[in-house]
Amino acid sequence: MTTILDPTDERVPVERSITPRPEVISGAVALLDISKPRGNVLIDRLQEQLAERLPGVTFNRYAKPTFTKPAPDELRKQIQAENDFVIEALAD
């Protein structure tokens, strides 16, 4: 078990298990731009690199309305329904 500290409340650390990682990435991968400046540039390059290494994987692009708030529930549900993996990218 790994302890992950939650920065929202340091008084009581939350213990969480790390999700098991599959050995092979297949299916659909969500690329989520959190809407920071140049995040789309980072995701463009990331998608190019991953497409070369992961033939047959589908990449779906999404963007949060603003980086200052969590993704809306509707967007999170859409990403979960349409994808097997999520990569969240930010840049400045």
Protein backbone atom coordinates (compact mmCIF):
# COMPACT_ATOMS: atom_id res chain seq x y z
CA MET A 1 0.00 0.00 0.00
CA THR A 2 1.28 3.42 -0.95
CA THR A 3 0.49 6.54 1.07
CA ILE A 4 -0.46 9.53 -1.08
CA LEU A 5 -0.63 12.83 0.71
CA ASP A 6 -3.63 14.96 -0.16
CA PRO A 7 -2.61 18.65 -0.18
CA THR A 8 -6.12 19.74 0.81
CA ASP A 9 -5.73 18.50 4.40
CA GLU A 10 -2.33 17.57 5.80
CA ARG A 11 -3.64 16.75 9.26
CA VAL A 12 -4.94 13.33 8.26
CA PRO A 13 -3.09 11.60 5.37
CA VAL A 14 -5.37 9.60 3.09
CA GLU A 15 -4.23 6.08 2.24
CA ARG A 16 -5.04 4.95 -1.27
CA SER A 17 -4.05 1.99 -3.37
CA ILE A 18 -2.41 2.68 -6.69
CA THR A 19 -4.51 1.38 -9.57
CA PRO A 20 -2.90 -1.64 -11.24
CA ARG A 21 -1.42 -0.72 -14.62
CA PRO A 22 -2.02 -2.92 -17.65
CA GLU A 23 1.02 -4.26 -19.49
CA VAL A 24 -0.34 -3.17 -22.88
CA ILE A 25 -2.01 0.09 -23.85
CA SER A 26 -4.81 -0.48 -26.34
CA GLY A 27 -8.19 0.95 -27.20
CA ALA A 28 -8.83 4.66 -26.75
CA VAL A 29 -6.70 7.20 -24.92
CA ALA A 30 -8.11 10.55 -23.79
CA LEU A 31 -5.77 13.53 -24.04
CA LEU A 32 -7.12 16.17 -21.68
CA ASP A 33 -5.93 19.76 -22.07
CA ILE A 34 -6.58 21.62 -18.83
CA SER A 35 -6.57 24.93 -20.77
CA LYS A 36 -3.30 26.39 -19.52
CA PRO A 37 -1.34 28.38 -22.11
CA ARG A 38 0.46 26.15 -24.64
CA GLY A 39 -1.08 22.99 -23.21
CA ASN A 40 -2.45 22.21 -26.66
CA VAL A 41 1.09 22.42 -28.08
CA LEU A 42 2.28 19.88 -25.52
CA ILE A 43 -0.63 17.55 -26.27
CA ASP A 44 -0.03 17.84 -30.04
CA ARG A 45 3.56 16.69 -29.60
CA LEU A 46 2.60 14.00 -27.08
CA GLN A 47 -0.01 12.62 -29.45
CA GLU A 48 2.55 12.49 -32.29
CA GLN A 49 5.04 10.59 -30.12
CA LEU A 50 2.46 8.16 -28.74
CA ALA A 51 0.94 7.46 -32.16
CA GLU A 52 4.36 6.32 -33.38
CA ARG A 53 4.79 3.96 -30.41
CA LEU A 54 1.21 2.74 -30.08
CA PRO A 55 -0.15 1.84 -33.51
CA GLY A 56 -3.84 1.03 -33.46
CA VAL A 57 -4.58 3.18 -30.42
CA THR A 58 -7.25 5.85 -30.88
CA PHE A 59 -6.61 9.28 -29.38
CA ASN A 60 -9.52 11.49 -28.33
CA ARG A 61 -8.92 15.14 -27.47
CA TYR A 62 -10.75 17.04 -24.74
CA ALA A 63 -10.31 20.41 -23.05
CA LYS A 64 -11.49 21.77 -19.72
CA PRO A 65 -13.25 25.15 -19.89
CA THR A 66 -10.70 26.59 -17.42
CA PHE A 67 -7.66 25.35 -15.54
CA THR A 68 -8.83 27.04 -12.34
CA LYS A 69 -11.63 24.55 -11.65
CA PRO A 70 -12.08 20.78 -11.87
CA ALA A 71 -13.45 19.36 -15.10
CA PRO A 72 -17.25 19.52 -15.20
CA ASP A 73 -19.02 16.26 -14.28
CA GLU A 74 -20.45 15.94 -17.79
CA LEU A 75 -16.97 16.13 -19.35
CA ARG A 76 -15.54 13.58 -16.89
CA LYS A 77 -18.41 11.18 -17.62
CA GLN A 78 -17.87 11.58 -21.37
CA ILE A 79 -14.14 10.91 -21.05
CA GLN A 80 -14.78 7.83 -18.92
CA ALA A 81 -17.41 6.46 -21.31
CA GLU A 82 -15.32 6.96 -24.46
CA ASN A 83 -11.82 5.96 -23.30
CA ASP A 84 -9.72 3.28 -21.66
CA PHE A 85 -6.91 5.61 -20.49
CA VAL A 86 -6.53 9.32 -19.70
CA ILE A 87 -3.49 11.56 -20.01
CA GLU A 88 -3.89 15.01 -18.51
CA ALA A 89 -1.43 17.60 -19.77
CA LEU A 90 -0.61 21.12 -18.77
CA ALA A 91 2.00 23.65 -19.79
CA ASP A 92 2.90 27.29 -19.42
